[in-house]
PDB file of N, CA and C in Angstrom:
ATOM      1  N   MET A   1     -21.073 -15.156 -60.883  1.00  0.00           N
ATOM      2  CA  MET A   1     -22.015 -15.224 -59.928  1.00  0.00           C
ATOM      3  C   MET A   1     -21.335 -16.275 -58.430  1.00  0.00           C
ATOM      4  N   ASN A   2     -21.289 -15.033 -57.367  1.00  0.00           N
ATOM      5  CA  ASN A   2     -21.098 -15.485 -56.239  1.00  0.00           C
ATOM      6  C   ASN A   2     -22.528 -16.163 -55.726  1.00  0.00           C
ATOM      7  N   ASN A   3     -22.043 -17.663 -55.324  1.00  0.00           N
ATOM      8  CA  ASN A   3     -23.201 -18.063 -54.816  1.00  0.00           C
ATOM      9  C   ASN A   3     -22.967 -18.588 -52.943  1.00  0.00           C
ATOM     10  N   THR A   4     -21.888 -18.227 -52.522  1.00  0.00           N
ATOM     11  CA  THR A   4     -21.213 -17.806 -50.777  1.00  0.00           C
ATOM     12  C   THR A   4     -22.618 -17.632 -50.190  1.00  0.00           C
ATOM     13  N   ILE A   5     -22.605 -17.823 -49.133  1.00  0.00           N
ATOM     14  CA  ILE A   5     -23.550 -16.987 -47.930  1.00  0.00           C
ATOM     15  C   ILE A   5     -22.548 -16.140 -47.240  1.00  0.00           C
ATOM     16  N   SER A   6     -23.318 -15.301 -46.590  1.00  0.00           N
ATOM     17  CA  SER A   6     -22.660 -14.318 -45.551  1.00  0.00           C
ATOM     18  C   SER A   6     -22.045 -15.046 -44.813  1.00  0.00           C
ATOM     19  N   LEU A   7     -21.334 -14.164 -43.914  1.00  0.00           N
ATOM     20  CA  LEU A   7     -21.016 -15.214 -42.591  1.00  0.00           C
ATOM     21  C   LEU A   7     -21.784 -15.049 -41.822  1.00  0.00           C
ATOM     22  N   GLU A   8     -22.712 -13.655 -41.843  1.00  0.00           N
ATOM     23  CA  GLU A   8     -23.933 -13.731 -40.829  1.00  0.00           C
ATOM     24  C   GLU A   8     -24.828 -14.981 -40.971  1.00  0.00           C
ATOM     25  N   ASP A   9     -25.131 -15.201 -42.327  1.00  0.00           N
ATOM     26  CA  ASP A   9     -26.002 -16.472 -42.805  1.00  0.00           C
ATOM     27  C   ASP A   9     -25.518 -17.577 -42.374  1.00  0.00           C
ATOM     28  N   TYR A  10     -24.108 -17.672 -42.189  1.00  0.00           N
ATOM     29  CA  TYR A  10     -23.780 -19.058 -42.036  1.00  0.00           C
ATOM     30  C   TYR A  10     -22.957 -19.104 -40.500  1.00  0.00           C
ATOM     31  N   GLN A  11     -23.652 -17.864 -39.340  1.00  0.00           N
ATOM     32  CA  GLN A  11     -23.326 -18.031 -38.126  1.00  0.00           C
ATOM     33  C   GLN A  11     -24.961 -18.213 -37.869  1.00  0.00           C
ATOM     34  N   LYS A  12     -25.795 -17.804 -38.531  1.00  0.00           N
ATOM     35  CA  LYS A  12     -27.280 -18.275 -38.195  1.00  0.00           C
ATOM     36  C   LYS A  12     -27.345 -20.029 -38.776  1.00  0.00           C
ATOM     37  N   ALA A  13     -26.889 -20.042 -39.678  1.00  0.00           N
ATOM     38  CA  ALA A  13     -27.275 -21.664 -40.090  1.00  0.00           C
ATOM     39  C   ALA A  13     -26.224 -22.898 -39.257  1.00  0.00           C
ATOM     40  N   ILE A  14     -25.351 -22.245 -38.434  1.00  0.00           N
ATOM     41  CA  ILE A  14     -24.313 -23.042 -37.304  1.00  0.00           C
ATOM     42  C   ILE A  14     -24.959 -23.484 -36.674  1.00  0.00           C
ATOM     43  N   ARG A  15     -25.877 -22.184 -35.937  1.00  0.00           N
ATOM     44  CA  ARG A  15     -26.424 -22.364 -34.756  1.00  0.00           C
ATOM     45  C   ARG A  15     -27.858 -23.001 -35.051  1.00  0.00           C
ATOM     46  N   SER A  16     -28.161 -23.152 -36.167  1.00  0.00           N
ATOM     47  CA  SER A  16     -28.984 -24.241 -36.270  1.00  0.00           C
ATOM     48  C   SER A  16     -28.769 -25.875 -36.861  1.00  0.00           C
ATOM     49  N   LEU A  17     -27.922 -26.027 -36.521  1.00  0.00           N
ATOM     50  CA  LEU A  17     -27.182 -26.764 -36.338  1.00  0.00           C
ATOM     51  C   LEU A  17     -27.351 -28.033 -35.189  1.00  0.00           C
ATOM     52  N   ALA A  18     -27.354 -29.169 -35.444  1.00  0.00           N
ATOM     53  CA  ALA A  18     -27.350 -30.132 -34.137  1.00  0.00           C
ATOM     54  C   ALA A  18     -25.922 -29.809 -33.708  1.00  0.00           C
ATOM     55  N   ASP A  19     -25.213 -30.753 -32.614  1.00  0.00           N
ATOM     56  CA  ASP A  19     -24.371 -30.678 -31.706  1.00  0.00           C
ATOM     57  C   ASP A  19     -22.986 -31.513 -32.891  1.00  0.00           C
ATOM     58  N   ASP A  20     -23.950 -32.386 -32.861  1.00  0.00           N
ATOM     59  CA  ASP A  20     -22.906 -34.353 -33.274  1.00  0.00           C
ATOM     60  C   ASP A  20     -23.172 -33.215 -35.282  1.00  0.00           C
ATOM     61  N   ALA A  21     -23.433 -32.144 -35.705  1.00  0.00           N
ATOM     62  CA  ALA A  21     -23.559 -32.106 -36.699  1.00  0.00           C
ATOM     63  C   ALA A  21     -21.570 -30.641 -37.153  1.00  0.00           C
ATOM     64  N   LEU A  22     -21.266 -30.380 -35.936  1.00  0.00           N
ATOM     65  CA  LEU A  22     -20.430 -29.715 -36.199  1.00  0.00           C
ATOM     66  C   LEU A  22     -19.157 -29.817 -36.297  1.00  0.00           C
ATOM     67  N   ILE A  23     -18.626 -31.708 -35.526  1.00  0.00           N
ATOM     68  CA  ILE A  23     -17.128 -31.922 -36.197  1.00  0.00           C
ATOM     69  C   ILE A  23     -17.131 -32.279 -37.776  1.00  0.00           C
ATOM     70  N   PRO A  24     -18.069 -32.610 -38.465  1.00  0.00           N
ATOM     71  CA  PRO A  24     -18.301 -32.461 -39.982  1.00  0.00           C
ATOM     72  C   PRO A  24     -18.176 -31.575 -40.404  1.00  0.00           C
ATOM     73  N   GLU A  25     -19.351 -30.223 -40.093  1.00  0.00           N
ATOM     74  CA  GLU A  25     -18.231 -29.135 -40.582  1.00  0.00           C
ATOM     75  C   GLU A  25     -17.170 -28.106 -40.686  1.00  0.00           C
ATOM     76  N   VAL A  26     -16.575 -29.193 -39.182  1.00  0.00           N
ATOM     77  CA  VAL A  26     -15.046 -28.589 -39.266  1.00  0.00           C
ATOM     78  C   VAL A  26     -14.605 -29.215 -39.949  1.00  0.00           C
ATOM     79  N   ASN A  27     -14.575 -31.138 -40.263  1.00  0.00           N
ATOM     80  CA  ASN A  27     -13.584 -31.726 -41.674  1.00  0.00           C
ATOM     81  C   ASN A  27     -13.980 -31.503 -43.070  1.00  0.00           C
ATOM     82  N   ARG A  28     -15.361 -30.671 -42.676  1.00  0.00           N
ATOM     83  CA  ARG A  28     -15.610 -30.132 -44.559  1.00  0.00           C
ATOM     84  C   ARG A  28     -14.725 -28.857 -44.850  1.00  0.00           C
ATOM     85  N   LEU A  29     -14.586 -28.129 -43.947  1.00  0.00           N
ATOM     86  CA  LEU A  29     -14.144 -26.802 -44.302  1.00  0.00           C
ATOM     87  C   LEU A  29     -12.672 -27.165 -44.598  1.00  0.00           C
ATOM     88  N   ARG A  30     -12.464 -28.245 -43.608  1.00  0.00           N
ATOM     89  CA  ARG A  30     -10.562 -28.147 -43.517  1.00  0.00           C
ATOM     90  C   ARG A  30     -10.249 -29.108 -44.535  1.00  0.00           C
ATOM     91  N   ASN A  31     -11.065 -29.482 -45.211  1.00  0.00           N
ATOM     92  CA  ASN A  31     -10.784 -30.301 -46.686  1.00  0.00           C
ATOM     93  C   ASN A  31     -11.101 -29.527 -47.488  1.00  0.00           C
ATOM     94  N   SER A  32     -11.875 -28.772 -47.452  1.00  0.00           N
ATOM     95  CA  SER A  32     -12.048 -27.258 -48.380  1.00  0.00           C
ATOM     96  C   SER A  32     -10.976 -26.983 -48.347  1.00  0.00           C
ATOM     97  N   ILE A  33     -10.386 -26.058 -47.685  1.00  0.00           N
ATOM     98  CA  ILE A  33      -9.072 -25.680 -47.739  1.00  0.00           C
ATOM     99  C   ILE A  33      -7.606 -26.421 -47.548  1.00  0.00           C
ATOM    100  N   GLU A  34      -7.609 -27.905 -47.440  1.00  0.00           N
ATOM    101  CA  GLU A  34      -6.314 -28.200 -47.998  1.00  0.00           C
ATOM    102  C   GLU A  34      -6.376 -28.953 -49.629  1.00  0.00           C
ATOM    103  N   HIS A  35      -7.480 -28.713 -50.483  1.00  0.00           N
ATOM    104  CA  HIS A  35      -7.547 -29.270 -51.766  1.00  0.00           C
ATOM    105  C   HIS A  35      -7.859 -27.602 -52.279  1.00  0.00           C
ATOM    106  N   LEU A  36      -7.654 -26.691 -52.001  1.00  0.00           N
ATOM    107  CA  LEU A  36      -7.556 -25.404 -52.837  1.00  0.00           C
ATOM    108  C   LEU A  36      -6.230 -25.094 -52.359  1.00  0.00           C
ATOM    109  N   ASP A  37      -5.566 -25.218 -51.372  1.00  0.00           N
ATOM    110  CA  ASP A  37      -4.174 -25.089 -51.371  1.00  0.00           C
ATOM    111  C   ASP A  37      -3.307 -26.090 -52.230  1.00  0.00           C
ATOM    112  N   ARG A  38      -3.436 -27.022 -52.025  1.00  0.00           N
ATOM    113  CA  ARG A  38      -3.495 -28.568 -53.288  1.00  0.00           C
ATOM    114  C   ARG A  38      -3.271 -27.617 -54.870  1.00  0.00           C
ATOM    115  N   SER A  39      -4.495 -27.406 -54.794  1.00  0.00           N
ATOM    116  CA  SER A  39      -5.099 -26.945 -56.489  1.00  0.00           C
ATOM    117  C   SER A  39      -3.869 -25.462 -56.730  1.00  0.00           C
ATOM    118  N   ASN A  40      -4.306 -24.534 -55.935  1.00  0.00           N
ATOM    119  CA  ASN A  40      -2.999 -23.528 -55.630  1.00  0.00           C
ATOM    120  C   ASN A  40      -1.306 -24.058 -55.954  1.00  0.00           C
ATOM    121  N   LYS A  41      -1.074 -24.752 -55.348  1.00  0.00           N
ATOM    122  CA  LYS A  41       0.430 -25.367 -55.397  1.00  0.00           C
ATOM    123  C   LYS A  41       0.601 -26.128 -56.751  1.00  0.00           C
ATOM    124  N   GLU A  42      -0.408 -26.986 -57.441  1.00  0.00           N
ATOM    125  CA  GLU A  42      -0.317 -27.653 -58.488  1.00  0.00           C
ATOM    126  C   GLU A  42      -0.066 -26.514 -59.255  1.00  0.00           C
ATOM    127  N   MET A  43      -0.896 -25.365 -59.896  1.00  0.00           N
ATOM    128  CA  MET A  43      -0.910 -25.092 -60.365  1.00  0.00           C
ATOM    129  C   MET A  43       0.453 -24.016 -61.178  1.00  0.00           C
ATOM    130  N   LEU A  44       0.917 -23.158 -59.504  1.00  0.00           N
ATOM    131  CA  LEU A  44       2.094 -22.907 -59.923  1.00  0.00           C
ATOM    132  C   LEU A  44       3.167 -23.577 -60.480  1.00  0.00           C
ATOM    133  N   ALA A  45       2.480 -24.413 -59.786  1.00  0.00           N
ATOM    134  CA  ALA A  45       4.242 -25.929 -60.128  1.00  0.00           C
ATOM    135  C   ALA A  45       4.002 -25.689 -62.006  1.00  0.00           C
ATOM    136  N   TYR A  46       2.695 -25.975 -62.586  1.00  0.00           N
ATOM    137  CA  TYR A  46       3.023 -26.458 -63.948  1.00  0.00           C
ATOM    138  C   TYR A  46       2.831 -24.732 -64.324  1.00  0.00           C
ATOM    139  N   ASP A  47       2.507 -23.916 -63.641  1.00  0.00           N
ATOM    140  CA  ASP A  47       2.731 -22.998 -65.198  1.00  0.00           C
ATOM    141  C   ASP A  47       2.725 -21.443 -64.067  1.00  0.00           C
ATOM    142  N   ASP A  48       3.612 -21.275 -63.249  1.00  0.00           N
ATOM    143  CA  ASP A  48       3.253 -19.809 -61.999  1.00  0.00           C
ATOM    144  C   ASP A  48       3.772 -18.647 -63.288  1.00  0.00           C
ATOM    145  N   GLN A  49       3.466 -18.351 -64.521  1.00  0.00           N
ATOM    146  CA  GLN A  49       3.083 -17.332 -65.089  1.00  0.00           C
ATOM    147  C   GLN A  49       1.623 -16.710 -65.660  1.00  0.00           C
ATOM    148  N   ASP A  50       0.961 -17.654 -66.204  1.00  0.00           N
ATOM    149  CA  ASP A  50      -0.560 -18.162 -66.908  1.00  0.00           C
ATOM    150  C   ASP A  50      -1.252 -17.486 -66.168  1.00  0.00           C
ATOM    151  N   SER A  51      -2.109 -16.707 -66.573  1.00  0.00           N
ATOM    152  CA  SER A  51      -2.992 -15.401 -65.778  1.00  0.00           C
ATOM    153  C   SER A  51      -4.257 -15.789 -65.399  1.00  0.00           C
ATOM    154  N   ASP A  52      -4.621 -17.076 -66.034  1.00  0.00           N
ATOM    155  CA  ASP A  52      -5.820 -18.141 -65.707  1.00  0.00           C
ATOM    156  C   ASP A  52      -5.665 -18.454 -64.766  1.00  0.00           C
ATOM    157  N   PHE A  53      -4.468 -19.190 -64.417  1.00  0.00           N
ATOM    158  CA  PHE A  53      -4.286 -19.695 -63.043  1.00  0.00           C
ATOM    159  C   PHE A  53      -4.159 -19.018 -62.224  1.00  0.00           C
ATOM    160  N   LEU A  54      -2.959 -17.547 -62.935  1.00  0.00           N
ATOM    161  CA  LEU A  54      -2.335 -17.051 -61.668  1.00  0.00           C
ATOM    162  C   LEU A  54      -4.068 -16.280 -61.034  1.00  0.00           C
ATOM    163  N   GLU A  55      -4.827 -16.313 -61.403  1.00  0.00           N
ATOM    164  CA  GLU A  55      -6.951 -15.495 -61.333  1.00  0.00           C
ATOM    165  C   GLU A  55      -7.107 -16.718 -60.404  1.00  0.00           C
ATOM    166  N   ALA A  56      -7.159 -17.830 -61.069  1.00  0.00           N
ATOM    167  CA  ALA A  56      -7.508 -18.521 -60.153  1.00  0.00           C
ATOM    168  C   ALA A  56      -6.784 -18.860 -58.655  1.00  0.00           C
ATOM    169  N   ILE A  57      -6.117 -18.902 -58.412  1.00  0.00           N
ATOM    170  CA  ILE A  57      -5.296 -18.918 -57.441  1.00  0.00           C
ATOM    171  C   ILE A  57      -4.965 -17.756 -56.706  1.00  0.00           C
ATOM    172  N   GLN A  58      -5.794 -16.760 -57.151  1.00  0.00           N
ATOM    173  CA  GLN A  58      -6.422 -15.770 -55.463  1.00  0.00           C
ATOM    174  C   GLN A  58      -7.301 -15.735 -55.407  1.00  0.00           C
ATOM    175  N   GLU A  59      -8.283 -16.377 -56.594  1.00  0.00           N
ATOM    176  CA  GLU A  59      -9.857 -16.575 -55.680  1.00  0.00           C
ATOM    177  C   GLU A  59      -9.559 -18.245 -54.849  1.00  0.00           C
ATOM    178  N   ASN A  60      -8.646 -18.671 -54.919  1.00  0.00           N
ATOM    179  CA  ASN A  60      -8.527 -19.359 -54.141  1.00  0.00           C
ATOM    180  C   ASN A  60      -7.733 -18.806 -52.567  1.00  0.00           C
ATOM    181  N   LYS A  61      -7.406 -17.687 -52.923  1.00  0.00           N
ATOM    182  CA  LYS A  61      -6.802 -17.129 -51.949  1.00  0.00           C
ATOM    183  C   LYS A  61      -8.015 -17.165 -50.991  1.00  0.00           C
ATOM    184  N   GLU A  62      -8.920 -16.296 -51.514  1.00  0.00           N
ATOM    185  CA  GLU A  62      -9.903 -15.702 -50.786  1.00  0.00           C
ATOM    186  C   GLU A  62     -10.629 -16.404 -50.484  1.00  0.00           C
ATOM    187  N   LEU A  63     -11.124 -17.443 -50.858  1.00  0.00           N
ATOM    188  CA  LEU A  63     -11.939 -18.676 -50.967  1.00  0.00           C
ATOM    189  C   LEU A  63     -10.989 -19.467 -49.099  1.00  0.00           C
ATOM    190  N   ILE A  64     -10.250 -19.790 -49.148  1.00  0.00           N
ATOM    191  CA  ILE A  64      -9.561 -19.739 -48.227  1.00  0.00           C
ATOM    192  C   ILE A  64      -9.953 -19.570 -47.218  1.00  0.00           C
ATOM    193  N   LEU A  65      -9.287 -17.653 -46.993  1.00  0.00           N
ATOM    194  CA  LEU A  65      -9.989 -16.935 -46.329  1.00  0.00           C
ATOM    195  C   LEU A  65     -11.099 -16.860 -45.239  1.00  0.00           C
ATOM    196  N   LYS A  66     -12.123 -17.142 -46.336  1.00  0.00           N
ATOM    197  CA  LYS A  66     -13.291 -17.475 -45.990  1.00  0.00           C
ATOM    198  C   LYS A  66     -14.329 -18.119 -45.191  1.00  0.00           C
ATOM    199  N   GLN A  67     -13.086 -19.576 -45.277  1.00  0.00           N
ATOM    200  CA  GLN A  67     -13.272 -21.574 -45.059  1.00  0.00           C
ATOM    201  C   GLN A  67     -12.873 -20.898 -43.718  1.00  0.00           C
ATOM    202  N   LYS A  68     -11.281 -20.276 -43.310  1.00  0.00           N
ATOM    203  CA  LYS A  68     -10.888 -20.108 -42.181  1.00  0.00           C
ATOM    204  C   LYS A  68     -12.405 -19.544 -41.158  1.00  0.00           C
ATOM    205  N   ASP A  69     -12.645 -18.325 -41.939  1.00  0.00           N
ATOM    206  CA  ASP A  69     -12.965 -17.230 -40.793  1.00  0.00           C
ATOM    207  C   ASP A  69     -14.254 -18.481 -40.473  1.00  0.00           C
ATOM    208  N   ARG A  70     -14.907 -18.904 -41.269  1.00  0.00           N
ATOM    209  CA  ARG A  70     -16.095 -19.893 -41.178  1.00  0.00           C
ATOM    210  C   ARG A  70     -15.634 -20.758 -40.121  1.00  0.00           C
ATOM    211  N   LEU A  71     -14.379 -21.794 -39.594  1.00  0.00           N
ATOM    212  CA  LEU A  71     -14.100 -22.209 -38.903  1.00  0.00           C
ATOM    213  C   LEU A  71     -14.157 -21.828 -37.058  1.00  0.00           C
ATOM    214  N   GLU A  72     -13.799 -20.374 -37.549  1.00  0.00           N
ATOM    215  CA  GLU A  72     -14.000 -19.622 -36.117  1.00  0.00           C
ATOM    216  C   GLU A  72     -15.028 -19.665 -35.948  1.00  0.00           C
ATOM    217  N   VAL A  73     -16.077 -19.634 -36.385  1.00  0.00           N
ATOM    218  CA  VAL A  73     -17.623 -19.782 -36.620  1.00  0.00           C
ATOM    219  C   VAL A  73     -18.310 -20.911 -35.647  1.00  0.00           C
ATOM    220  N   VAL A  74     -17.625 -21.934 -36.345  1.00  0.00           N
ATOM    221  CA  VAL A  74     -18.023 -23.631 -35.785  1.00  0.00           C
ATOM    222  C   VAL A  74     -17.315 -23.259 -34.041  1.00  0.00           C
ATOM    223  N   HIS A  75     -15.862 -22.809 -34.029  1.00  0.00           N
ATOM    224  CA  HIS A  75     -15.106 -22.859 -33.337  1.00  0.00           C
ATOM    225  C   HIS A  75     -16.201 -21.901 -31.857  1.00  0.00           C
ATOM    226  N   LYS A  76     -16.858 -21.105 -32.359  1.00  0.00           N
ATOM    227  CA  LYS A  76     -17.257 -20.131 -31.481  1.00  0.00           C
ATOM    228  C   LYS A  76     -18.632 -20.892 -30.730  1.00  0.00           C
ATOM    229  N   GLY A  77     -19.345 -21.497 -32.377  1.00  0.00           N
ATOM    230  CA  GLY A  77     -20.498 -21.685 -31.935  1.00  0.00           C
ATOM    231  C   GLY A  77     -20.233 -23.029 -30.591  1.00  0.00           C
ATOM    232  N   MET A  78     -19.158 -23.846 -31.285  1.00  0.00           N
ATOM    233  CA  MET A  78     -18.932 -25.007 -30.063  1.00  0.00           C
ATOM    234  C   MET A  78     -19.112 -24.228 -28.506  1.00  0.00           C
ATOM    235  N   LEU A  79     -18.054 -23.282 -28.543  1.00  0.00           N
ATOM    236  CA  LEU A  79     -17.698 -22.599 -27.419  1.00  0.00           C
ATOM    237  C   LEU A  79     -19.111 -22.369 -26.541  1.00  0.00           C
ATOM    238  N   GLU A  80     -20.351 -21.842 -27.082  1.00  0.00           N
ATOM    239  CA  GLU A  80     -21.319 -21.129 -27.046  1.00  0.00           C
ATOM    240  C   GLU A  80     -22.114 -22.530 -26.570  1.00  0.00           C
ATOM    241  N   ARG A  81     -21.875 -23.898 -26.917  1.00  0.00           N
ATOM    242  CA  ARG A  81     -23.245 -24.505 -26.878  1.00  0.00           C
ATOM    243  C   ARG A  81     -21.880 -25.649 -24.888  1.00  0.00           C
ATOM    244  N   GLN A  82     -21.216 -24.862 -25.252  1.00  0.00           N
ATOM    245  CA  GLN A  82     -19.827 -24.966 -23.512  1.00  0.00           C
ATOM    246  C   GLN A  82     -19.651 -26.857 -24.061  1.00  0.00           C
ATOM    247  N   PHE A  83     -19.311 -27.183 -24.816  1.00  0.00           N
ATOM    248  CA  PHE A  83     -18.830 -28.510 -25.473  1.00  0.00           C
ATOM    249  C   PHE A  83     -17.694 -28.672 -24.392  1.00  0.00           C
ATOM    250  N   PRO A  84     -17.091 -29.894 -24.239  1.00  0.00           N
ATOM    251  CA  PRO A  84     -16.428 -30.012 -23.328  1.00  0.00           C
ATOM    252  C   PRO A  84     -14.554 -29.541 -24.154  1.00  0.00           C
ATOM    253  N   SER A  85     -13.536 -28.241 -22.995  1.00  0.00           N
ATOM    254  CA  SER A  85     -12.795 -28.509 -23.900  1.00  0.00           C
ATOM    255  C   SER A  85     -12.029 -29.991 -24.222  1.00  0.00           C
ATOM    256  N   GLU A  86     -11.618 -30.535 -23.643  1.00  0.00           N
ATOM    257  CA  GLU A  86     -11.651 -31.900 -24.277  1.00  0.00           C
ATOM    258  C   GLU A  86     -11.879 -31.587 -26.016  1.00  0.00           C
ATOM    259  N   ILE A  87     -12.753 -31.824 -25.844  1.00  0.00           N
ATOM    260  CA  ILE A  87     -13.624 -32.402 -27.790  1.00  0.00           C
ATOM    261  C   ILE A  87     -12.844 -31.201 -28.320  1.00  0.00           C
ATOM    262  N   ILE A  88     -13.601 -29.942 -27.832  1.00  0.00           N
ATOM    263  CA  ILE A  88     -12.337 -28.256 -28.492  1.00  0.00           C
ATOM    264  C   ILE A  88     -11.254 -28.403 -28.360  1.00  0.00           C
ATOM    265  N   ASN A  89     -10.254 -29.083 -28.000  1.00  0.00           N
ATOM    266  CA  ASN A  89      -8.655 -29.457 -28.150  1.00  0.00           C
ATOM    267  C   ASN A  89      -8.888 -30.273 -29.191  1.00  0.00           C
ATOM    268  N   HIS A  90      -8.942 -30.958 -29.359  1.00  0.00           N
ATOM    269  CA  HIS A  90      -9.136 -32.254 -30.092  1.00  0.00           C
ATOM    270  C   HIS A  90      -9.000 -32.101 -31.530  1.00  0.00           C
ATOM    271  N   VAL A  91     -10.494 -31.211 -31.547  1.00  0.00           N
ATOM    272  CA  VAL A  91     -10.598 -30.471 -32.644  1.00  0.00           C
ATOM    273  C   VAL A  91     -10.407 -29.803 -33.463  1.00  0.00           C
ATOM    274  N   PHE A  92      -9.869 -28.725 -32.605  1.00  0.00           N
ATOM    275  CA  PHE A  92      -8.750 -27.584 -33.315  1.00  0.00           C
ATOM    276  C   PHE A  92      -7.322 -27.458 -33.088  1.00  0.00           C
ATOM    277  N   GLY A  93      -7.260 -28.627 -31.549  1.00  0.00           N
ATOM    278  CA  GLY A  93      -5.793 -27.910 -31.211  1.00  0.00           C
ATOM    279  C   GLY A  93      -6.055 -26.936 -29.909  1.00  0.00           C
ATOM    280  N   LYS A  94      -4.794 -27.374 -29.549  1.00  0.00           N
ATOM    281  CA  LYS A  94      -4.534 -26.285 -28.457  1.00  0.00           C
ATOM    282  C   LYS A  94      -5.187 -24.311 -28.738  1.00  0.00           C
ATOM    283  N   ALA A  95      -5.585 -23.590 -28.094  1.00  0.00           N
ATOM    284  CA  ALA A  95      -5.526 -22.053 -28.329  1.00  0.00           C
ATOM    285  C   ALA A  95      -4.897 -21.781 -28.344  1.00  0.00           C
ATOM    286  N   GLU A  96      -4.743 -20.528 -29.176  1.00  0.00           N
ATOM    287  CA  GLU A  96      -3.770 -19.702 -29.316  1.00  0.00           C
ATOM    288  C   GLU A  96      -4.334 -18.279 -29.258  1.00  0.00           C
ATOM    289  N   GLU A  97      -3.943 -17.309 -28.277  1.00  0.00           N
ATOM    290  CA  GLU A  97      -4.982 -16.086 -28.275  1.00  0.00           C
ATOM    291  C   GLU A  97      -4.128 -15.247 -29.132  1.00  0.00           C
ATOM    292  N   SER A  98      -4.845 -14.434 -29.853  1.00  0.00           N
ATOM    293  CA  SER A  98      -4.538 -13.371 -30.806  1.00  0.00           C
ATOM    294  C   SER A  98      -3.757 -12.064 -29.638  1.00  0.00           C
ATOM    295  N   PRO A  99      -3.085 -11.586 -30.500  1.00  0.00           N
ATOM    296  CA  PRO A  99      -3.309  -9.934 -29.656  1.00  0.00           C
ATOM    297  C   PRO A  99      -4.451  -9.116 -29.871  1.00  0.00           C
ATOM    298  N   ASP A 100      -5.273  -9.475 -30.988  1.00  0.00           N
ATOM    299  CA  ASP A 100      -7.218  -8.798 -30.751  1.00  0.00           C
ATOM    300  C   ASP A 100      -7.490  -9.632 -29.417  1.00  0.00           C
ATOM    301  N   ASN A 101      -7.707 -10.624 -29.133  1.00  0.00           N
ATOM    302  CA  ASN A 101      -8.308 -11.434 -28.031  1.00  0.00           C
ATOM    303  C   ASN A 101      -9.459 -12.807 -28.827  1.00  0.00           C
ATOM    304  N   THR A 102      -9.040 -13.228 -29.751  1.00  0.00           N
ATOM    305  CA  THR A 102      -9.933 -13.423 -30.865  1.00  0.00           C
ATOM    306  C   THR A 102      -8.606 -15.607 -31.073  1.00  0.00           C
ATOM    307  N   MET A 103      -9.827 -15.909 -31.195  1.00  0.00           N
ATOM    308  CA  MET A 103      -9.096 -17.644 -31.012  1.00  0.00           C
ATOM    309  C   MET A 103      -8.646 -17.635 -32.670  1.00  0.00           C
ATOM    310  N   GLN A 104      -7.295 -18.261 -32.365  1.00  0.00           N
ATOM    311  CA  GLN A 104      -6.294 -18.740 -33.891  1.00  0.00           C
ATOM    312  C   GLN A 104      -6.741 -19.784 -33.992  1.00  0.00           C
ATOM    313  N   VAL A 105      -7.291 -20.465 -34.858  1.00  0.00           N
ATOM    314  CA  VAL A 105      -8.091 -21.513 -35.224  1.00  0.00           C
ATOM    315  C   VAL A 105      -6.961 -22.310 -36.168  1.00  0.00           C
ATOM    316  N   ASP A 106      -6.451 -23.458 -35.784  1.00  0.00           N
ATOM    317  CA  ASP A 106      -5.294 -24.499 -36.942  1.00  0.00           C
ATOM    318  C   ASP A 106      -6.232 -24.943 -37.515  1.00  0.00           C
ATOM    319  N   SER A 107      -6.395 -24.662 -38.887  1.00  0.00           N
ATOM    320  CA  SER A 107      -6.803 -25.321 -40.221  1.00  0.00           C
ATOM    321  C   SER A 107      -6.405 -26.237 -40.526  1.00  0.00           C
ATOM    322  N   SER A 108      -5.376 -26.569 -39.795  1.00  0.00           N
ATOM    323  CA  SER A 108      -4.636 -27.813 -40.627  1.00  0.00           C
ATOM    324  C   SER A 108      -5.334 -28.952 -40.627  1.00  0.00           C
ATOM    325  N   SER A 109      -5.157 -30.141 -41.210  1.00  0.00           N
ATOM    326  CA  SER A 109      -6.395 -31.247 -41.131  1.00  0.00           C
ATOM    327  C   SER A 109      -5.283 -31.936 -40.143  1.00  0.00           C
ATOM    328  N   GLU A 110      -4.163 -32.289 -39.915  1.00  0.00           N
ATOM    329  CA  GLU A 110      -3.121 -32.725 -38.936  1.00  0.00           C
ATOM    330  C   GLU A 110      -4.143 -32.904 -37.551  1.00  0.00           C
ATOM    331  N   GLN A 111      -4.579 -31.961 -37.244  1.00  0.00           N
ATOM    332  CA  GLN A 111      -5.051 -32.003 -35.801  1.00  0.00           C
ATOM    333  C   GLN A 111      -6.226 -33.143 -35.614  1.00  0.00           C
ATOM    334  N   ASN A 112      -6.831 -33.459 -36.853  1.00  0.00           N
ATOM    335  CA  ASN A 112      -8.354 -34.492 -36.405  1.00  0.00           C
ATOM    336  C   ASN A 112      -8.431 -35.422 -37.500  1.00  0.00           C
ATOM    337  N   ASP A 113      -7.905 -36.645 -37.070  1.00  0.00           N
ATOM    338  CA  ASP A 113      -7.882 -37.293 -38.237  1.00  0.00           C
ATOM    339  C   ASP A 113      -9.389 -37.982 -37.886  1.00  0.00           C
ATOM    340  N   PRO A 114     -10.007 -38.002 -39.050  1.00  0.00           N
ATOM    341  CA  PRO A 114     -11.529 -38.435 -39.262  1.00  0.00           C
ATOM    342  C   PRO A 114     -11.799 -40.163 -39.314  1.00  0.00           C
ATOM    343  N   GLU A 115     -10.432 -40.781 -39.159  1.00  0.00           N
ATOM    344  CA  GLU A 115     -10.371 -42.120 -39.278  1.00  0.00           C
ATOM    345  C   GLU A 115     -10.119 -42.289 -37.676  1.00  0.00           C
ATOM    346  N   GLU A 116      -9.770 -41.386 -37.358  1.00  0.00           N
ATOM    347  CA  GLU A 116      -8.940 -42.349 -35.512  1.00  0.00           C
ATOM    348  C   GLU A 116     -10.495 -41.903 -34.847  1.00  0.00           C
ATOM    349  N   GLY A 117     -11.244 -40.980 -35.265  1.00  0.00           N
ATOM    350  CA  GLY A 117     -12.779 -40.037 -34.081  1.00  0.00           C
ATOM    351  C   GLY A 117     -12.544 -39.518 -33.154  1.00  0.00           C
ATOM    352  N   LEU A 118     -13.469 -39.542 -32.516  1.00  0.00           N
ATOM    353  CA  LEU A 118     -13.095 -38.545 -31.451  1.00  0.00           C
ATOM    354  C   LEU A 118     -13.093 -39.490 -29.798  1.00  0.00           C
ATOM    355  N   LEU A 119     -12.475 -39.071 -28.973  1.00  0.00           N
ATOM    356  CA  LEU A 119     -11.872 -39.607 -27.904  1.00  0.00           C
ATOM    357  C   LEU A 119     -12.577 -38.827 -26.330  1.00  0.00           C
ATOM    358  N   LEU A 120     -13.769 -39.775 -26.410  1.00  0.00           N
ATOM    359  CA  LEU A 120     -14.314 -39.134 -25.116  1.00  0.00           C
ATOM    360  C   LEU A 120     -14.215 -39.420 -24.126  1.00  0.00           C
TER     361      LEU A 120
END
């Protein structure tokens, strides 16, 4: 059973969050992506022919794509709320436009060290 909410419902949920909850949400999503990616690498290293592992890896890849879509939703939410560009750039890195004029959000955890905090 799929317990994840739709992207549309997630957008609504993000709109209802307080401003100070958006950066922790970015960190949560990045942490999720990092763990899913690490899990995939570990399963492949252990047995790259196991059908159960291969199925789990595919499911993880699909979830990673969903998490990246959610990062984009949070990014757009921050833009709509007119967060200062310095904060957005600190959290997401420099903006890179794709050919379809959508923001490409870097999901790597290197962009925002939670221990470092935000520089305001």
